[in-house]
C-alpha cells in the first residue's frame, strides 16, 4: 500500500460511546445549537467533561481539632488544608499567646508554621499540644526593647538636628557680619559656642548602632565644624574692636599732634623756692 495513503488513513474507534449533546436547535453539531450536554463541556479533542466555571471551587472539608494548653482543652474548626501557622493565629486570640511564642506538637513532634495539617496527617478529632516557647518569648521581648531604644535614639537625633540647623543659621549670619568689618559682641559668640557644646553633650549620651550611629556621627561633625568657625571669628572680631584704638595712637604719634596731657614727663609744681 502506498505510504501516503497510510498516513492519511484514520483508525476507526469502536466500542466507545459519547453522550449525545442536548441540542436546542439547528443541525446536529452545528454552531447554532447547544453543543454541550447539561453540566458538560467539549474539550478540543472532542471529549466531554464536567463543565467548569469561574465560581467552581474545590470542596475542602473542615475539621475540628482539640488543642491542649496546660490543663485547658480548646476545640478549633478550620480547613483540613490549613497550615499550623494559621492555627497559631487562631489560638493567639483564645490563649493570649503571640504566634511567635507558640510551639505546636503533633504526635510528639514540633510542627513548623509552614507545614500543612493534612500533609502531616491531622484529621478530624486529632489532638495537638500547645506549649509556650519561653526562649522565643525572651528573644521577642529583647528585640522589642531594642527597637524601642533605637526609635527613641532616632527621635532624639532628629530633635538635635533641628536645633543644630537653627544654630547654623546664626553662625552664618555672624560670619557674614564679622567678615564685612562689623563688630559682634563677644557675649554672642560665647553664647552660640556654648549652645553647640550642649548639643555635642546630648549626642554623646545617645547610644546607637547601624544607621542611627551614622546619623549621630554626622550631627557631631556638624556641631564641631560650627564651633571651629566661631573660634576662627573671635580673633577677627577682636581685631575689628581694637582697630580704632590703634588708629588713635597712630594719629597721636604724628609730629604736630603733641598733647601735653599724653606726655609721660609730667611738670612738677612745688612751693619750695630756691634762695639766692
Protein backbone atom coordinates (compact mmCIF):
# COMPACT_ATOMS: atom_id res chain seq x y z
CA UNK A 1 0.00 0.00 0.00
CA UNK A 2 1.14 3.50 -0.73
CA UNK A 3 2.76 5.18 2.28
CA UNK A 4 0.94 8.45 1.56
CA UNK A 5 -2.41 6.66 1.80
CA UNK A 6 -1.36 5.00 5.06
CA UNK A 7 -0.56 8.41 6.63
CA UNK A 8 -3.91 9.95 5.77
CA UNK A 9 -5.95 6.95 6.88
CA UNK A 10 -7.74 7.41 10.19
CA UNK A 11 -8.25 4.49 12.52
CA UNK A 12 -11.82 3.63 13.36
CA UNK A 13 -12.74 3.83 17.03
CA UNK A 14 -15.13 1.13 18.07
CA UNK A 15 -16.69 0.26 21.37
CA UNK A 16 -16.57 3.85 22.69
CA UNK A 17 -19.76 5.83 23.09
CA UNK A 18 -20.13 9.50 23.99
CA UNK A 19 -23.18 11.11 25.48
CA UNK A 20 -25.28 12.83 22.91
CA UNK A 21 -25.30 16.58 23.39
CA UNK A 22 -28.61 18.23 24.08
CA UNK A 23 -29.28 20.48 21.14
CA UNK A 24 -31.59 23.42 21.40
CA UNK A 25 -31.98 23.80 17.69
CA UNK A 26 -30.09 23.79 14.46
CA UNK A 27 -28.34 20.89 12.82
CA UNK A 28 -26.55 18.28 14.92
CA UNK A 29 -23.15 19.63 15.91
CA UNK A 30 -23.97 22.99 14.37
CA UNK A 31 -22.80 26.21 15.92
CA UNK A 32 -26.30 27.49 16.39
CA UNK A 33 -27.33 24.67 18.70
CA UNK A 34 -26.46 23.87 22.32
CA UNK A 35 -23.28 21.93 21.65
CA UNK A 36 -22.70 20.71 25.21
CA UNK A 37 -24.87 18.43 27.28
CA UNK A 38 -26.19 19.71 30.59
CA UNK A 39 -23.25 20.08 33.02
CA UNK A 40 -20.71 19.03 30.38
CA UNK A 41 -18.26 20.83 28.10
CA UNK A 42 -16.39 19.72 24.99
CA UNK A 43 -12.60 19.62 25.08
CA UNK A 44 -10.63 20.36 21.87
CA UNK A 45 -10.06 16.63 21.41
CA UNK A 46 -13.83 16.02 21.37
CA UNK A 47 -14.07 14.57 24.88
CA UNK A 48 -16.97 15.56 27.12
CA UNK A 49 -16.01 16.54 30.67
CA UNK A 50 -17.73 18.24 33.61
CA UNK A 51 -18.27 21.89 32.86
CA UNK A 52 -16.03 24.27 34.79
CA UNK A 53 -16.91 27.83 35.79
CA UNK A 54 -15.05 30.66 37.50
CA UNK A 55 -17.10 30.12 40.63
CA UNK A 56 -16.24 26.46 40.81
CA UNK A 57 -14.07 25.84 43.91
CA UNK A 58 -12.62 22.59 45.15
CA UNK A 59 -14.55 21.09 48.00
CA UNK A 60 -12.23 21.19 51.02
CA UNK A 61 -13.74 19.73 54.19
CA UNK A 62 -13.38 21.41 57.58
CA UNK A 63 -12.06 19.51 60.54
CA UNK A 64 -12.22 20.06 64.28
CA UNK A 65 -9.04 19.54 66.27
CA UNK A 66 -8.56 19.50 70.04
CA UNK A 67 -5.77 21.76 71.29
CA UNK A 68 -4.38 21.14 74.79
CA UNK A 69 -2.66 24.03 76.60
CA UNK A 70 -1.74 23.22 80.16
CA UNK A 71 -4.89 21.82 81.71
CA UNK A 72 -7.19 23.50 79.19
CA UNK A 73 -8.69 21.98 76.03
CA UNK A 74 -9.98 24.05 73.19
CA UNK A 75 -11.66 22.85 70.01
CA UNK A 76 -10.81 24.67 66.79
CA UNK A 77 -12.62 24.19 63.50
CA UNK A 78 -10.64 25.06 60.38
CA UNK A 79 -9.83 23.85 56.89
CA UNK A 80 -8.11 20.48 56.64
CA UNK A 81 -5.60 22.10 54.26
CA UNK A 82 -4.73 24.97 56.64
CA UNK A 83 -1.20 25.44 57.93
CA UNK A 84 0.00 25.26 61.51
CA UNK A 85 0.75 28.99 61.25
CA UNK A 86 -2.93 29.71 60.60
CA UNK A 87 -3.83 27.56 63.58
CA UNK A 88 -1.41 29.56 65.76
CA UNK A 89 -3.13 32.81 64.76
CA UNK A 90 -6.49 31.36 65.79
CA UNK A 91 -5.09 30.21 69.13
CA UNK A 92 -3.49 33.60 69.82
CA UNK A 93 -6.89 35.18 70.46
CA UNK A 94 -8.01 32.30 72.65
CA UNK A 95 -4.97 31.90 74.93
CA UNK A 96 -3.37 35.33 74.55
CA UNK A 97 -0.09 33.95 73.23
CA UNK A 98 1.82 35.61 70.42
CA UNK A 99 2.06 33.22 67.43
CA UNK A 100 5.86 33.54 67.60
CA UNK A 101 5.79 32.25 71.18
CA UNK A 102 3.80 29.10 70.34
CA UNK A 103 5.06 25.58 69.77
CA UNK A 104 2.53 23.12 68.34
CA UNK A 105 3.23 19.42 68.98
CA UNK A 106 1.54 16.71 66.93
CA UNK A 107 2.43 13.08 67.50
CA UNK A 108 5.16 14.19 69.95
CA UNK A 109 6.91 16.26 67.29
CA UNK A 110 7.05 20.04 66.90
CA UNK A 111 5.50 21.19 63.65
CA UNK A 112 6.73 24.11 61.58
CA UNK A 113 4.35 27.00 60.97
CA UNK A 114 4.61 26.46 57.21
CA UNK A 115 3.59 22.78 57.44
CA UNK A 116 0.03 21.84 56.41
CA UNK A 117 -2.35 19.89 58.62
CA UNK A 118 -3.42 17.31 56.04
CA UNK A 119 0.15 16.66 54.92
CA UNK A 120 1.33 15.60 58.38
CA UNK A 121 -1.81 13.54 58.98
CA UNK A 122 -4.02 15.80 61.11
CA UNK A 123 -7.62 14.63 60.84
CA UNK A 124 -10.97 15.44 62.38
CA UNK A 125 -10.71 14.90 66.14
CA UNK A 126 -6.88 14.89 66.25
CA UNK A 127 -5.15 16.21 69.37
CA UNK A 128 -2.50 18.94 69.23
CA UNK A 129 -0.49 20.16 72.22
CA UNK A 130 0.31 23.87 72.59
CA UNK A 131 3.46 24.84 74.51
CA UNK A 132 4.68 28.34 75.24
CA UNK A 133 8.18 28.88 73.84
CA UNK A 134 9.94 30.78 76.64
CA UNK A 135 13.16 31.24 74.67
CA UNK A 136 11.33 32.72 71.71
CA UNK A 137 9.35 34.97 74.05
CA UNK A 138 12.54 36.33 75.64
CA UNK A 139 14.10 36.96 72.23
CA UNK A 140 11.00 38.78 71.07
CA UNK A 141 10.90 40.94 74.22
CA UNK A 142 14.59 41.83 73.84
CA UNK A 143 14.07 42.66 70.17
CA UNK A 144 11.07 44.81 71.06
CA UNK A 145 13.08 46.71 73.66
CA UNK A 146 15.96 47.18 71.24
CA UNK A 147 13.61 48.54 68.58
CA UNK A 148 12.04 50.92 71.09
CA UNK A 149 15.51 52.12 72.17
CA UNK A 150 16.56 52.70 68.56
CA UNK A 151 13.34 54.61 67.89
CA UNK A 152 13.97 56.89 70.89
CA UNK A 153 17.55 57.46 69.74
CA UNK A 154 16.34 58.33 66.24
CA UNK A 155 13.82 60.83 67.63
CA UNK A 156 16.47 62.43 69.88
CA UNK A 157 18.91 62.81 66.98
CA UNK A 158 16.16 64.31 64.83
CA UNK A 159 15.46 66.93 67.53
CA UNK A 160 19.18 67.74 67.83
CA UNK A 161 19.45 68.06 64.06
CA UNK A 162 16.72 70.71 64.05
CA UNK A 163 18.47 72.63 66.83
CA UNK A 164 21.83 72.46 65.04
CA UNK A 165 20.12 73.78 61.89
CA UNK A 166 18.91 76.84 63.82
CA UNK A 167 22.35 77.45 65.31
CA UNK A 168 23.95 77.02 61.89
CA UNK A 169 21.91 79.92 60.52
CA UNK A 170 23.09 82.14 63.39
CA UNK A 171 26.71 81.13 62.77
CA UNK A 172 26.38 82.03 59.09
CA UNK A 173 24.89 85.41 59.95
CA UNK A 174 27.69 86.21 62.44
CA UNK A 175 30.34 85.08 59.97
CA UNK A 176 28.94 87.39 57.33
CA UNK A 177 28.85 90.30 59.80
CA UNK A 178 32.42 89.85 61.01
CA UNK A 179 33.84 89.41 57.51
CA UNK A 180 32.13 92.62 56.43
CA UNK A 181 34.13 94.50 59.08
CA UNK A 182 31.39 94.98 61.65
CA UNK A 183 31.75 94.23 65.34
CA UNK A 184 29.83 91.40 67.04
CA UNK A 185 29.55 91.35 70.79
CA UNK A 186 31.81 88.74 72.28
CA UNK A 187 28.99 87.53 74.52
CA UNK A 188 27.03 86.48 71.43
CA UNK A 189 29.95 84.37 70.20
CA UNK A 190 30.36 82.73 73.60
CA UNK A 191 26.63 82.02 73.93
CA UNK A 192 26.45 80.43 70.48
CA UNK A 193 29.51 78.27 71.16
CA UNK A 194 28.01 77.12 74.46
CA UNK A 195 24.74 76.12 72.71
CA UNK A 196 26.65 73.99 70.23
CA UNK A 197 28.62 72.35 73.03
CA UNK A 198 25.34 71.41 74.73
CA UNK A 199 24.21 69.63 71.56
CA UNK A 200 27.50 67.72 71.47
CA UNK A 201 26.96 66.58 75.05
CA UNK A 202 23.45 65.37 74.15
CA UNK A 203 24.80 63.44 71.17
CA UNK A 204 27.49 61.85 73.32
CA UNK A 205 24.78 60.47 75.62
CA UNK A 206 22.96 58.65 72.79
CA UNK A 207 23.94 55.02 72.25
CA UNK A 208 23.02 53.66 68.84
CA UNK A 209 24.05 51.12 66.21
CA UNK A 210 23.94 50.86 62.45
CA UNK A 211 22.23 53.65 60.57
CA UNK A 212 21.34 55.56 63.76
CA UNK A 213 25.02 55.62 64.74
CA UNK A 214 25.93 57.14 61.37
CA UNK A 215 23.29 59.84 61.83
CA UNK A 216 24.68 60.70 65.26
CA UNK A 217 28.23 60.91 63.91
CA UNK A 218 27.07 63.27 61.16
CA UNK A 219 25.49 65.68 63.66
CA UNK A 220 28.63 65.56 65.84
CA UNK A 221 30.75 66.62 62.87
CA UNK A 222 28.36 69.44 62.00
CA UNK A 223 28.38 70.85 65.54
CA UNK A 224 32.17 70.64 65.71
CA UNK A 225 32.50 72.44 62.37
CA UNK A 226 30.37 75.39 63.53
CA UNK A 227 32.33 75.64 66.78
CA UNK A 228 35.56 75.83 64.77
CA UNK A 229 34.07 78.61 62.63
CA UNK A 230 33.17 80.61 65.74
CA UNK A 231 36.67 80.10 67.16
CA UNK A 232 38.16 81.47 63.94
CA UNK A 233 35.86 84.51 64.06
CA UNK A 234 36.86 85.52 67.61
CA UNK A 235 40.34 86.93 66.73
CA UNK A 236 38.91 88.64 63.63
CA UNK A 237 36.22 90.27 65.75
CA UNK A 238 38.82 91.29 68.33
CA UNK A 239 40.97 92.96 65.64
CA UNK A 240 37.98 94.98 64.45
CA UNK A 241 37.28 96.05 68.03
CA UNK A 242 40.90 97.17 68.65
CA UNK A 243 41.37 98.88 65.29
CA UNK A 244 40.03 102.34 66.38
CA UNK A 245 42.44 102.41 69.35
CA UNK A 246 45.42 101.58 67.16
CA UNK A 247 44.46 104.31 64.68
CA UNK A 248 44.12 106.85 67.53
CA UNK A 249 47.58 106.05 68.86
CA UNK A 250 49.00 106.33 65.38
CA UNK A 251 47.49 109.81 64.97
CA UNK A 252 48.88 110.95 68.31
CA UNK A 253 52.40 109.82 67.38
CA UNK A 254 52.49 112.09 64.30
CA UNK A 255 54.56 115.39 64.50
CA UNK A 256 52.45 118.44 65.35
CA UNK A 257 49.91 116.41 67.22
CA UNK A 258 51.67 116.66 70.58
CA UNK A 259 49.33 116.78 73.51
CA UNK A 260 50.93 117.65 76.88
CA UNK A 261 48.28 115.55 78.62
CA UNK A 262 49.61 112.47 76.90
CA UNK A 263 53.25 113.27 77.69
CA UNK A 264 54.79 110.84 80.07
CA UNK A 265 57.10 113.51 81.52
CA UNK A 266 54.98 115.47 83.98
CA UNK A 267 55.83 119.04 85.21
CA UNK A 268 56.12 119.04 88.98
CA UNK A 269 54.93 122.18 90.69
CA UNK A 270 56.39 122.94 94.12
CA UNK A 271 56.19 125.75 96.63
CA UNK A 272 59.82 125.47 97.68
CA UNK A 273 61.63 128.30 96.15
CA UNK A 274 65.41 128.43 95.79
CA UNK A 275 67.08 131.19 97.83
CA UNK A 276 69.67 133.26 96.03
